[in-house]
Amino acid sequence: MQHATPNRSGGRVHKDHRSECVINLTVEIFGDQWSLLIIRDIIFMNRRHFRELLTNSVEGIASNILANRLQRLVQQGILVKSQDASHKQKAIYSLTERGIELLPLLMEMVAWGHKCLPASRLRGLAQALKEGGPKLRAEFMSELRETHLPKSGAKKKVSSRTKSTRISAMQKLQAAYETELAIARPGRVFSRERVFNSPRPLHSKP
């Protein structure tokens, strides 16, 4: 049982938290330098194996930090770790519903950064989100559930139009993000093992 202790303002908080403010509790999960970046790579680049997340990290995350953050995200119920059916010696990370519901937060961060941080050179994702509007966001959220929650009862709604020529929201966003990464870091090769290739990658205007 957690014991409440007084804080500086005279209130009482559980000893495991600085306060019970919802913003503080969220920051305690994602307030480090890496957790949201790991979620970003899982959501937007579909990197779900440890090696993918490590070797393709734009920011150069260290292996021990990646292992620690993945463990914490699993403990917090943001990710689940399971055996990859296609490779018995590999573990695969999947988003839970709680993890998928971080998508609107990341999208708002992208939009805010696009508006308020003009020095950022990676703006293709923000442009794709802006152009796609609410429809693209809703489609992407649905596709994430189909990809990461196969046993949750979320049914894959695949129409003949989807099977033939329609480019999915996931393809559009991954293409926009990957294209700009390649432009920004031309000497680096980013793995396409799990990136859905679009026949017409989106190129954003500078």
N, C-alpha and C. Protein backbone atom coordinates (compact mmCIF):
# COMPACT_ATOMS: atom_id res chain seq x y z
N MET A 1 0.84 -1.19 0.00
CA MET A 1 0.00 0.00 0.00
C MET A 1 0.87 1.24 0.00
N GLN A 2 0.57 2.20 -0.86
CA GLN A 2 1.34 3.42 -0.94
C GLN A 2 0.95 4.36 0.19
N HIS A 3 1.93 5.05 0.74
CA HIS A 3 1.68 6.00 1.80
C HIS A 3 1.76 7.41 1.25
N ALA A 4 0.83 8.25 1.67
CA ALA A 4 0.82 9.64 1.21
C ALA A 4 1.71 10.47 2.09
N THR A 5 2.47 11.37 1.49
CA THR A 5 3.35 12.27 2.23
C THR A 5 3.07 13.70 1.80
N PRO A 6 3.28 14.67 2.71
CA PRO A 6 3.01 16.06 2.35
C PRO A 6 3.96 16.55 1.27
N ASN A 7 3.45 17.40 0.36
CA ASN A 7 4.34 18.07 -0.58
C ASN A 7 4.48 19.53 -0.17
N ARG A 8 5.21 20.31 -0.96
CA ARG A 8 5.51 21.68 -0.56
C ARG A 8 4.27 22.57 -0.49
N SER A 9 3.25 22.23 -1.24
CA SER A 9 2.04 23.06 -1.25
C SER A 9 1.07 22.66 -0.15
N GLY A 10 1.42 21.67 0.63
CA GLY A 10 0.56 21.26 1.74
C GLY A 10 -0.35 20.10 1.42
N GLY A 11 -0.40 19.70 0.11
CA GLY A 11 -1.21 18.55 -0.27
C GLY A 11 -0.49 17.27 0.07
N ARG A 12 -1.12 16.14 -0.22
CA ARG A 12 -0.51 14.86 0.06
C ARG A 12 -0.46 14.05 -1.22
N VAL A 13 0.69 13.45 -1.49
CA VAL A 13 0.87 12.67 -2.71
C VAL A 13 1.42 11.31 -2.35
N HIS A 14 1.22 10.34 -3.22
CA HIS A 14 1.80 9.03 -3.01
C HIS A 14 3.31 9.13 -3.14
N LYS A 15 4.02 8.38 -2.37
CA LYS A 15 5.48 8.49 -2.32
C LYS A 15 6.14 8.17 -3.66
N ASP A 16 5.45 7.42 -4.53
CA ASP A 16 6.03 7.07 -5.82
C ASP A 16 5.87 8.17 -6.87
N HIS A 17 5.15 9.23 -6.56
CA HIS A 17 4.91 10.31 -7.51
C HIS A 17 5.18 11.66 -6.87
N ARG A 18 5.65 12.60 -7.69
CA ARG A 18 5.91 13.94 -7.19
C ARG A 18 4.61 14.67 -6.88
N SER A 19 3.57 14.41 -7.67
CA SER A 19 2.23 14.93 -7.41
C SER A 19 1.26 14.06 -8.19
N GLU A 20 -0.02 14.26 -7.97
CA GLU A 20 -1.02 13.48 -8.71
C GLU A 20 -1.62 14.27 -9.85
N CYS A 21 -0.99 15.39 -10.21
CA CYS A 21 -1.39 16.12 -11.41
C CYS A 21 -1.25 15.21 -12.62
N VAL A 22 -2.26 15.18 -13.47
CA VAL A 22 -2.24 14.26 -14.61
C VAL A 22 -1.08 14.56 -15.55
N ILE A 23 -0.72 15.84 -15.67
CA ILE A 23 0.42 16.19 -16.53
C ILE A 23 1.70 15.64 -15.93
N ASN A 24 1.86 15.78 -14.60
CA ASN A 24 3.04 15.23 -13.95
C ASN A 24 3.11 13.72 -14.10
N LEU A 25 1.99 13.03 -13.91
CA LEU A 25 1.99 11.58 -14.02
C LEU A 25 2.37 11.13 -15.43
N THR A 26 1.93 11.90 -16.43
CA THR A 26 2.29 11.58 -17.81
C THR A 26 3.77 11.83 -18.06
N VAL A 27 4.26 12.95 -17.51
CA VAL A 27 5.68 13.28 -17.66
C VAL A 27 6.55 12.22 -17.00
N GLU A 28 6.09 11.64 -15.91
CA GLU A 28 6.87 10.61 -15.23
C GLU A 28 7.03 9.36 -16.10
N ILE A 29 6.11 9.17 -17.04
CA ILE A 29 6.23 8.04 -17.97
C ILE A 29 7.06 8.42 -19.19
N PHE A 30 6.79 9.60 -19.75
CA PHE A 30 7.38 9.96 -21.04
C PHE A 30 8.33 11.15 -20.97
N GLY A 31 8.69 11.60 -19.78
CA GLY A 31 9.47 12.82 -19.65
C GLY A 31 10.96 12.67 -19.89
N ASP A 32 11.44 11.46 -20.15
CA ASP A 32 12.87 11.30 -20.43
C ASP A 32 13.14 11.62 -21.90
N GLN A 33 14.39 11.51 -22.32
CA GLN A 33 14.77 11.90 -23.67
C GLN A 33 14.42 10.88 -24.74
N TRP A 34 14.03 9.66 -24.35
CA TRP A 34 13.97 8.58 -25.33
C TRP A 34 12.61 7.92 -25.52
N SER A 35 11.79 7.87 -24.50
CA SER A 35 10.57 7.04 -24.57
C SER A 35 9.66 7.42 -25.73
N LEU A 36 9.38 8.72 -25.89
CA LEU A 36 8.50 9.13 -26.97
C LEU A 36 9.14 8.92 -28.34
N LEU A 37 10.46 8.97 -28.40
CA LEU A 37 11.13 8.72 -29.68
C LEU A 37 11.02 7.24 -30.07
N ILE A 38 11.06 6.37 -29.08
CA ILE A 38 10.85 4.95 -29.36
C ILE A 38 9.43 4.71 -29.86
N ILE A 39 8.46 5.33 -29.19
CA ILE A 39 7.06 5.23 -29.63
C ILE A 39 6.90 5.80 -31.03
N ARG A 40 7.57 6.93 -31.29
CA ARG A 40 7.54 7.53 -32.63
C ARG A 40 7.98 6.54 -33.70
N ASP A 41 9.11 5.84 -33.45
CA ASP A 41 9.64 4.91 -34.45
C ASP A 41 8.75 3.69 -34.62
N ILE A 42 8.10 3.27 -33.55
CA ILE A 42 7.18 2.14 -33.66
C ILE A 42 5.93 2.55 -34.43
N ILE A 43 5.40 3.73 -34.15
CA ILE A 43 4.16 4.18 -34.78
C ILE A 43 4.38 4.57 -36.24
N PHE A 44 5.33 5.45 -36.48
CA PHE A 44 5.45 6.03 -37.81
C PHE A 44 6.36 5.24 -38.76
N MET A 45 7.27 4.43 -38.20
CA MET A 45 8.18 3.66 -39.05
C MET A 45 7.97 2.16 -38.93
N ASN A 46 7.06 1.75 -38.07
CA ASN A 46 6.72 0.33 -37.89
C ASN A 46 7.95 -0.50 -37.52
N ARG A 47 8.85 0.07 -36.74
CA ARG A 47 10.02 -0.67 -36.26
C ARG A 47 9.62 -1.37 -34.97
N ARG A 48 9.63 -2.68 -34.99
CA ARG A 48 9.07 -3.43 -33.85
C ARG A 48 10.05 -4.42 -33.25
N HIS A 49 11.25 -4.51 -33.81
CA HIS A 49 12.28 -5.37 -33.24
C HIS A 49 13.37 -4.51 -32.61
N PHE A 50 14.01 -5.07 -31.60
CA PHE A 50 15.05 -4.35 -30.88
C PHE A 50 16.13 -3.86 -31.85
N ARG A 51 16.60 -4.74 -32.73
CA ARG A 51 17.68 -4.38 -33.65
C ARG A 51 17.29 -3.25 -34.58
N GLU A 52 16.05 -3.27 -35.06
CA GLU A 52 15.56 -2.19 -35.91
C GLU A 52 15.58 -0.86 -35.18
N LEU A 53 15.06 -0.88 -33.97
CA LEU A 53 14.99 0.36 -33.18
C LEU A 53 16.37 0.88 -32.85
N LEU A 54 17.32 -0.03 -32.66
CA LEU A 54 18.67 0.38 -32.29
C LEU A 54 19.45 0.92 -33.49
N THR A 55 19.52 0.14 -34.56
CA THR A 55 20.39 0.50 -35.68
C THR A 55 19.83 1.63 -36.53
N ASN A 56 18.51 1.83 -36.51
CA ASN A 56 17.91 2.87 -37.33
C ASN A 56 17.54 4.12 -36.54
N SER A 57 17.97 4.19 -35.31
CA SER A 57 17.66 5.37 -34.49
C SER A 57 18.36 6.61 -35.06
N VAL A 58 17.58 7.60 -35.43
CA VAL A 58 18.15 8.84 -35.96
C VAL A 58 18.99 9.54 -34.91
N GLU A 59 18.56 9.45 -33.66
CA GLU A 59 19.24 10.15 -32.57
C GLU A 59 20.39 9.33 -31.97
N GLY A 60 20.54 8.07 -32.39
CA GLY A 60 21.64 7.25 -31.92
C GLY A 60 21.49 6.73 -30.50
N ILE A 61 20.36 6.12 -30.21
CA ILE A 61 20.13 5.60 -28.86
C ILE A 61 21.10 4.45 -28.56
N ALA A 62 21.56 4.39 -27.32
CA ALA A 62 22.46 3.31 -26.88
C ALA A 62 21.64 2.07 -26.57
N SER A 63 22.24 0.90 -26.73
CA SER A 63 21.52 -0.35 -26.57
C SER A 63 20.99 -0.54 -25.15
N ASN A 64 21.77 -0.14 -24.14
CA ASN A 64 21.31 -0.31 -22.76
C ASN A 64 20.14 0.61 -22.44
N ILE A 65 20.15 1.81 -23.01
CA ILE A 65 19.04 2.74 -22.79
C ILE A 65 17.80 2.23 -23.50
N LEU A 66 17.95 1.74 -24.72
CA LEU A 66 16.81 1.20 -25.46
C LEU A 66 16.19 0.04 -24.70
N ALA A 67 17.01 -0.88 -24.21
CA ALA A 67 16.49 -2.03 -23.47
C ALA A 67 15.74 -1.58 -22.23
N ASN A 68 16.28 -0.59 -21.53
CA ASN A 68 15.64 -0.09 -20.32
C ASN A 68 14.30 0.57 -20.62
N ARG A 69 14.27 1.40 -21.65
CA ARG A 69 13.03 2.12 -21.97
C ARG A 69 11.96 1.16 -22.50
N LEU A 70 12.35 0.18 -23.30
CA LEU A 70 11.37 -0.80 -23.77
C LEU A 70 10.77 -1.56 -22.60
N GLN A 71 11.61 -1.93 -21.65
CA GLN A 71 11.12 -2.63 -20.47
C GLN A 71 10.14 -1.76 -19.69
N ARG A 72 10.46 -0.49 -19.53
CA ARG A 72 9.59 0.42 -18.81
C ARG A 72 8.26 0.61 -19.53
N LEU A 73 8.30 0.73 -20.84
CA LEU A 73 7.07 0.91 -21.62
C LEU A 73 6.19 -0.33 -21.56
N VAL A 74 6.80 -1.50 -21.50
CA VAL A 74 6.03 -2.74 -21.31
C VAL A 74 5.40 -2.75 -19.92
N GLN A 75 6.16 -2.37 -18.91
CA GLN A 75 5.66 -2.34 -17.54
C GLN A 75 4.52 -1.34 -17.38
N GLN A 76 4.57 -0.25 -18.14
CA GLN A 76 3.53 0.77 -18.07
C GLN A 76 2.30 0.42 -18.90
N GLY A 77 2.35 -0.70 -19.62
CA GLY A 77 1.20 -1.09 -20.42
C GLY A 77 1.07 -0.34 -21.72
N ILE A 78 2.17 0.27 -22.18
CA ILE A 78 2.16 0.99 -23.46
C ILE A 78 2.51 0.04 -24.60
N LEU A 79 3.39 -0.91 -24.31
CA LEU A 79 3.81 -1.92 -25.28
C LEU A 79 3.60 -3.31 -24.70
N VAL A 80 3.53 -4.30 -25.56
CA VAL A 80 3.61 -5.69 -25.14
C VAL A 80 4.74 -6.34 -25.92
N LYS A 81 5.44 -7.24 -25.27
CA LYS A 81 6.54 -7.96 -25.89
C LYS A 81 6.13 -9.40 -26.08
N SER A 82 6.31 -9.92 -27.27
CA SER A 82 5.93 -11.30 -27.54
C SER A 82 6.92 -11.92 -28.52
N GLN A 83 6.78 -13.21 -28.72
CA GLN A 83 7.65 -13.92 -29.66
C GLN A 83 7.17 -13.67 -31.08
N ASP A 84 8.10 -13.35 -31.95
CA ASP A 84 7.77 -13.10 -33.35
C ASP A 84 7.47 -14.43 -34.03
N ALA A 85 6.28 -14.56 -34.57
CA ALA A 85 5.88 -15.82 -35.21
C ALA A 85 6.74 -16.15 -36.43
N SER A 86 7.32 -15.12 -37.05
CA SER A 86 8.13 -15.34 -38.25
C SER A 86 9.58 -15.68 -37.92
N HIS A 87 9.98 -15.51 -36.66
CA HIS A 87 11.36 -15.77 -36.27
C HIS A 87 11.38 -16.07 -34.77
N LYS A 88 11.49 -17.34 -34.43
CA LYS A 88 11.32 -17.76 -33.04
C LYS A 88 12.36 -17.18 -32.09
N GLN A 89 13.50 -16.74 -32.62
CA GLN A 89 14.54 -16.19 -31.75
C GLN A 89 14.43 -14.68 -31.60
N LYS A 90 13.41 -14.09 -32.22
CA LYS A 90 13.22 -12.65 -32.13
C LYS A 90 12.00 -12.32 -31.29
N ALA A 91 12.10 -11.23 -30.53
CA ALA A 91 10.94 -10.70 -29.84
C ALA A 91 10.39 -9.54 -30.65
N ILE A 92 9.09 -9.37 -30.62
CA ILE A 92 8.45 -8.28 -31.35
C ILE A 92 7.66 -7.44 -30.36
N TYR A 93 7.69 -6.14 -30.55
CA TYR A 93 6.97 -5.21 -29.67
C TYR A 93 5.74 -4.69 -30.39
N SER A 94 4.63 -4.70 -29.69
CA SER A 94 3.37 -4.21 -30.24
C SER A 94 2.79 -3.16 -29.31
N LEU A 95 2.10 -2.22 -29.90
CA LEU A 95 1.40 -1.19 -29.13
C LEU A 95 0.14 -1.78 -28.51
N THR A 96 -0.13 -1.41 -27.29
CA THR A 96 -1.42 -1.71 -26.69
C THR A 96 -2.40 -0.60 -27.08
N GLU A 97 -3.64 -0.72 -26.67
CA GLU A 97 -4.60 0.35 -26.94
C GLU A 97 -4.12 1.66 -26.30
N ARG A 98 -3.55 1.56 -25.10
CA ARG A 98 -3.01 2.76 -24.45
C ARG A 98 -1.90 3.38 -25.28
N GLY A 99 -1.08 2.54 -25.88
CA GLY A 99 0.00 3.04 -26.73
C GLY A 99 -0.51 3.69 -28.00
N ILE A 100 -1.50 3.06 -28.62
CA ILE A 100 -2.07 3.61 -29.85
C ILE A 100 -2.73 4.96 -29.58
N GLU A 101 -3.30 5.12 -28.40
CA GLU A 101 -3.98 6.38 -28.07
C GLU A 101 -2.99 7.52 -27.82
N LEU A 102 -1.68 7.23 -27.91
CA LEU A 102 -0.69 8.30 -27.89
C LEU A 102 -0.57 8.99 -29.24
N LEU A 103 -1.14 8.41 -30.28
CA LEU A 103 -1.02 8.98 -31.62
C LEU A 103 -1.48 10.44 -31.69
N PRO A 104 -2.66 10.79 -31.16
CA PRO A 104 -3.06 12.21 -31.21
C PRO A 104 -2.06 13.14 -30.51
N LEU A 105 -1.47 12.66 -29.41
CA LEU A 105 -0.47 13.47 -28.71
C LEU A 105 0.74 13.72 -29.61
N LEU A 106 1.24 12.67 -30.25
CA LEU A 106 2.39 12.82 -31.14
C LEU A 106 2.05 13.72 -32.33
N MET A 107 0.84 13.59 -32.84
CA MET A 107 0.44 14.43 -33.96
C MET A 107 0.39 15.90 -33.58
N GLU A 108 -0.10 16.17 -32.37
CA GLU A 108 -0.12 17.56 -31.90
C GLU A 108 1.28 18.10 -31.68
N MET A 109 2.19 17.23 -31.22
CA MET A 109 3.59 17.64 -31.07
C MET A 109 4.20 17.97 -32.43
N VAL A 110 3.88 17.15 -33.42
CA VAL A 110 4.37 17.40 -34.78
C VAL A 110 3.84 18.74 -35.29
N ALA A 111 2.55 18.98 -35.11
CA ALA A 111 1.95 20.23 -35.59
C ALA A 111 2.53 21.44 -34.87
N TRP A 112 2.71 21.33 -33.55
CA TRP A 112 3.28 22.43 -32.78
C TRP A 112 4.71 22.70 -33.22
N GLY A 113 5.50 21.65 -33.39
CA GLY A 113 6.88 21.83 -33.82
C GLY A 113 6.97 22.44 -35.21
N HIS A 114 6.07 22.03 -36.10
CA HIS A 114 6.04 22.57 -37.46
C HIS A 114 5.77 24.07 -37.44
N LYS A 115 4.92 24.49 -36.50
CA LYS A 115 4.54 25.90 -36.40
C LYS A 115 5.56 26.73 -35.64
N CYS A 116 6.08 26.18 -34.54
CA CYS A 116 6.87 26.99 -33.60
C CYS A 116 8.37 26.74 -33.66
N LEU A 117 8.80 25.71 -34.37
CA LEU A 117 10.23 25.41 -34.45
C LEU A 117 10.66 25.42 -35.91
N PRO A 118 10.76 26.61 -36.49
CA PRO A 118 11.06 26.70 -37.92
C PRO A 118 12.42 26.15 -38.31
N ALA A 119 13.31 25.97 -37.33
CA ALA A 119 14.64 25.45 -37.64
C ALA A 119 14.62 23.96 -37.98
N SER A 120 13.51 23.29 -37.63
CA SER A 120 13.41 21.86 -37.92
C SER A 120 13.43 21.62 -39.42
N ARG A 121 14.28 20.68 -39.86
CA ARG A 121 14.37 20.38 -41.29
C ARG A 121 13.51 19.19 -41.68
N LEU A 122 13.06 18.42 -40.71
CA LEU A 122 12.23 17.25 -41.01
C LEU A 122 10.77 17.64 -40.90
N ARG A 123 10.21 18.17 -41.97
CA ARG A 123 8.87 18.73 -41.94
C ARG A 123 7.88 17.97 -42.81
N GLY A 124 8.33 16.91 -43.46
CA GLY A 124 7.46 16.17 -44.36
C GLY A 124 6.30 15.51 -43.65
N LEU A 125 6.55 14.97 -42.45
CA LEU A 125 5.49 14.31 -41.70
C LEU A 125 4.42 15.32 -41.31
N ALA A 126 4.85 16.48 -40.85
CA ALA A 126 3.89 17.52 -40.46
C ALA A 126 3.05 17.94 -41.67
N GLN A 127 3.69 18.07 -42.81
CA GLN A 127 2.97 18.47 -44.01
C GLN A 127 1.96 17.40 -44.43
N ALA A 128 2.36 16.13 -44.35
CA ALA A 128 1.46 15.05 -44.72
C ALA A 128 0.25 15.00 -43.80
N LEU A 129 0.49 15.20 -42.49
CA LEU A 129 -0.61 15.20 -41.54
C LEU A 129 -1.56 16.36 -41.78
N LYS A 130 -0.98 17.52 -42.09
CA LYS A 130 -1.80 18.71 -42.34
C LYS A 130 -2.67 18.51 -43.57
N GLU A 131 -2.07 17.98 -44.63
CA GLU A 131 -2.81 17.78 -45.87
C GLU A 131 -3.87 16.69 -45.73
N GLY A 132 -3.56 15.66 -44.93
CA GLY A 132 -4.50 14.55 -44.78
C GLY A 132 -5.69 14.87 -43.90
N GLY A 133 -5.48 15.79 -42.94
CA GLY A 133 -6.57 16.20 -42.07
C GLY A 133 -7.10 15.09 -41.17
N PRO A 134 -8.28 15.31 -40.59
CA PRO A 134 -8.88 14.33 -39.67
C PRO A 134 -9.10 12.96 -40.29
N LYS A 135 -9.38 12.92 -41.58
CA LYS A 135 -9.63 11.62 -42.24
C LYS A 135 -8.38 10.75 -42.21
N LEU A 136 -7.23 11.35 -42.53
CA LEU A 136 -5.98 10.59 -42.52
C LEU A 136 -5.66 10.11 -41.11
N ARG A 137 -5.87 10.97 -40.13
CA ARG A 137 -5.59 10.60 -38.74
C ARG A 137 -6.46 9.42 -38.30
N ALA A 138 -7.74 9.47 -38.65
CA ALA A 138 -8.65 8.40 -38.27
C ALA A 138 -8.27 7.09 -38.95
N GLU A 139 -7.90 7.16 -40.22
CA GLU A 139 -7.48 5.96 -40.95
C GLU A 139 -6.22 5.36 -40.34
N PHE A 140 -5.29 6.23 -39.97
CA PHE A 140 -4.02 5.75 -39.40
C PHE A 140 -4.27 5.07 -38.06
N MET A 141 -5.11 5.66 -37.24
CA MET A 141 -5.43 5.07 -35.94
C MET A 141 -6.05 3.68 -36.13
N SER A 142 -6.93 3.57 -37.10
CA SER A 142 -7.57 2.28 -37.38
C SER A 142 -6.55 1.26 -37.86
N GLU A 143 -5.63 1.68 -38.72
CA GLU A 143 -4.62 0.78 -39.24
C GLU A 143 -3.65 0.31 -38.15
N LEU A 144 -3.34 1.20 -37.21
CA LEU A 144 -2.49 0.81 -36.09
C LEU A 144 -3.17 -0.27 -35.25
N ARG A 145 -4.45 -0.15 -35.05
CA ARG A 145 -5.18 -1.17 -34.29
C ARG A 145 -5.16 -2.50 -35.04
N GLU A 146 -5.32 -2.44 -36.35
CA GLU A 146 -5.29 -3.67 -37.14
C GLU A 146 -3.93 -4.35 -37.08
N THR A 147 -2.88 -3.54 -37.06
CA THR A 147 -1.52 -4.07 -37.06
C THR A 147 -1.09 -4.58 -35.70
N HIS A 148 -1.42 -3.84 -34.66
CA HIS A 148 -0.88 -4.14 -33.34
C HIS A 148 -1.83 -4.89 -32.42
N LEU A 149 -3.12 -4.90 -32.73
CA LEU A 149 -4.09 -5.56 -31.85
C LEU A 149 -4.85 -6.65 -32.60
N PRO A 150 -4.16 -7.60 -33.19
CA PRO A 150 -4.85 -8.62 -34.00
C PRO A 150 -5.78 -9.51 -33.20
N LYS A 151 -5.54 -9.64 -31.89
CA LYS A 151 -6.38 -10.52 -31.08
C LYS A 151 -7.38 -9.76 -30.22
N SER A 152 -7.48 -8.46 -30.46
CA SER A 152 -8.35 -7.65 -29.61
C SER A 152 -9.77 -7.59 -30.10
N GLY A 153 -10.04 -8.21 -31.26
CA GLY A 153 -11.39 -8.14 -31.82
C GLY A 153 -11.49 -7.08 -32.89
N ALA A 154 -10.42 -6.32 -33.09
CA ALA A 154 -10.42 -5.32 -34.15
C ALA A 154 -10.32 -6.04 -35.48
N LYS A 155 -11.34 -5.92 -36.30
CA LYS A 155 -11.37 -6.64 -37.56
C LYS A 155 -10.75 -5.81 -38.68
N LYS A 156 -10.04 -6.49 -39.55
CA LYS A 156 -9.44 -5.82 -40.67
C LYS A 156 -10.50 -5.60 -41.74
N LYS A 157 -10.78 -4.34 -42.00
CA LYS A 157 -11.78 -4.00 -43.00
C LYS A 157 -11.07 -3.72 -44.32
N VAL A 158 -10.91 -4.76 -45.10
CA VAL A 158 -10.17 -4.64 -46.35
C VAL A 158 -11.14 -4.73 -47.51
N SER A 159 -11.27 -3.66 -48.23
CA SER A 159 -12.16 -3.65 -49.38
C SER A 159 -11.36 -3.96 -50.63
N SER A 160 -12.05 -4.18 -51.74
CA SER A 160 -11.35 -4.44 -52.99
C SER A 160 -10.53 -3.23 -53.39
N ARG A 161 -11.01 -2.03 -53.05
CA ARG A 161 -10.29 -0.80 -53.37
C ARG A 161 -8.98 -0.75 -52.60
N THR A 162 -9.00 -1.19 -51.34
CA THR A 162 -7.80 -1.21 -50.53
C THR A 162 -6.78 -2.19 -51.08
N LYS A 163 -7.26 -3.35 -51.53
CA LYS A 163 -6.36 -4.39 -52.01
C LYS A 163 -5.69 -4.00 -53.32
N SER A 164 -6.31 -3.12 -54.08
CA SER A 164 -5.77 -2.84 -55.40
C SER A 164 -4.83 -1.64 -55.41
N THR A 165 -5.38 -0.44 -55.38
CA THR A 165 -4.54 0.73 -55.64
C THR A 165 -4.46 1.73 -54.49
N ARG A 166 -5.35 1.68 -53.53
CA ARG A 166 -5.35 2.71 -52.50
C ARG A 166 -4.11 2.63 -51.65
N ILE A 167 -3.47 3.79 -51.44
CA ILE A 167 -2.30 3.87 -50.56
C ILE A 167 -2.81 4.12 -49.15
N SER A 168 -2.41 3.29 -48.22
CA SER A 168 -2.91 3.42 -46.85
C SER A 168 -2.33 4.64 -46.17
N ALA A 169 -2.99 5.05 -45.09
CA ALA A 169 -2.50 6.17 -44.30
C ALA A 169 -1.11 5.88 -43.76
N MET A 170 -0.89 4.63 -43.35
CA MET A 170 0.41 4.24 -42.82
C MET A 170 1.49 4.38 -43.88
N GLN A 171 1.19 3.98 -45.10
CA GLN A 171 2.15 4.11 -46.19
C GLN A 171 2.49 5.57 -46.45
N LYS A 172 1.48 6.41 -46.46
CA LYS A 172 1.69 7.83 -46.74
C LYS A 172 2.59 8.48 -45.70
N LEU A 173 2.30 8.22 -44.44
CA LEU A 173 3.06 8.86 -43.37
C LEU A 173 4.48 8.30 -43.28
N GLN A 174 4.62 7.00 -43.44
CA GLN A 174 5.95 6.40 -43.40
C GLN A 174 6.79 6.88 -44.57
N ALA A 175 6.19 7.00 -45.75
CA ALA A 175 6.92 7.46 -46.93
C ALA A 175 7.38 8.90 -46.73
N ALA A 176 6.49 9.75 -46.19
CA ALA A 176 6.84 11.14 -45.97
C ALA A 176 7.99 11.27 -44.98
N TYR A 177 7.94 10.50 -43.92
CA TYR A 177 8.96 10.58 -42.88
C TYR A 177 10.28 10.00 -43.37
N GLU A 178 10.22 8.84 -44.01
CA GLU A 178 11.44 8.18 -44.45
C GLU A 178 12.15 8.98 -45.54
N THR A 179 11.38 9.59 -46.44
CA THR A 179 11.96 10.38 -47.52
C THR A 179 12.78 11.53 -46.96
N GLU A 180 12.24 12.21 -45.97
CA GLU A 180 12.96 13.35 -45.40
C GLU A 180 14.16 12.91 -44.58
N LEU A 181 14.09 11.76 -43.95
CA LEU A 181 15.25 11.24 -43.23
C LEU A 181 16.40 10.97 -44.20
N ALA A 182 16.06 10.42 -45.35
CA ALA A 182 17.08 10.12 -46.35
C ALA A 182 17.71 11.39 -46.89
N ILE A 183 16.91 12.45 -47.05
CA ILE A 183 17.43 13.72 -47.53
C ILE A 183 18.32 14.37 -46.48
N ALA A 184 17.86 14.31 -45.23
CA ALA A 184 18.60 14.97 -44.15
C ALA A 184 19.90 14.26 -43.83
N ARG A 185 19.92 12.91 -44.00
CA ARG A 185 21.12 12.14 -43.67
C ARG A 185 21.45 11.22 -44.83
N PRO A 186 21.95 11.79 -45.93
CA PRO A 186 22.16 11.01 -47.16
C PRO A 186 23.16 9.88 -47.03
N GLY A 187 24.07 9.95 -46.07
CA GLY A 187 25.07 8.91 -45.93
C GLY A 187 24.61 7.72 -45.14
N ARG A 188 23.36 7.76 -44.67
CA ARG A 188 22.88 6.69 -43.80
C ARG A 188 21.79 5.89 -44.50
N VAL A 189 21.86 4.58 -44.36
CA VAL A 189 20.86 3.70 -44.97
C VAL A 189 19.87 3.27 -43.91
N PHE A 190 18.61 3.53 -44.15
CA PHE A 190 17.56 3.17 -43.19
C PHE A 190 16.88 1.88 -43.65
N SER A 191 16.73 0.96 -42.71
CA SER A 191 16.17 -0.35 -43.05
C SER A 191 14.74 -0.23 -43.53
N ARG A 192 14.44 -1.00 -44.58
CA ARG A 192 13.07 -1.02 -45.09
C ARG A 192 12.40 -2.36 -44.80
N GLU A 193 12.96 -3.10 -43.86
CA GLU A 193 12.44 -4.43 -43.60
C GLU A 193 10.96 -4.40 -43.26
N ARG A 194 10.57 -3.38 -42.49
CA ARG A 194 9.18 -3.34 -42.07
C ARG A 194 8.49 -2.04 -42.45
N VAL A 195 9.07 -1.30 -43.36
CA VAL A 195 8.43 -0.08 -43.81
C VAL A 195 7.60 -0.39 -45.04
N PHE A 196 6.36 0.05 -45.03
CA PHE A 196 5.48 -0.20 -46.16
C PHE A 196 5.86 0.78 -47.26
N ASN A 197 6.32 0.27 -48.39
CA ASN A 197 6.78 1.13 -49.47
C ASN A 197 5.60 1.64 -50.28
N SER A 198 5.60 2.92 -50.51
CA SER A 198 4.57 3.53 -51.32
C SER A 198 5.07 3.69 -52.75
N PRO A 199 4.24 3.42 -53.73
CA PRO A 199 4.69 3.58 -55.11
C PRO A 199 4.94 5.04 -55.47
N ARG A 200 4.36 5.97 -54.69
CA ARG A 200 4.57 7.38 -54.92
C ARG A 200 4.83 8.07 -53.59
N PRO A 201 6.09 8.02 -53.10
CA PRO A 201 6.40 8.65 -51.82
C PRO A 201 6.07 10.12 -51.83
N LEU A 202 5.60 10.62 -50.71
CA LEU A 202 5.27 12.02 -50.59
C LEU A 202 6.53 12.83 -50.37
N HIS A 203 6.72 13.87 -51.16
CA HIS A 203 7.82 14.79 -50.97
C HIS A 203 7.23 16.12 -50.54
N SER A 204 7.66 16.61 -49.42
CA SER A 204 7.12 17.87 -48.91
C SER A 204 7.95 19.01 -49.44
N LYS A 205 7.34 20.15 -49.52
CA LYS A 205 8.04 21.35 -49.93
C LYS A 205 8.77 21.92 -48.72
N PRO A 206 9.98 22.51 -48.91
CA PRO A 206 10.72 23.06 -47.78
C PRO A 206 10.00 24.26 -47.21
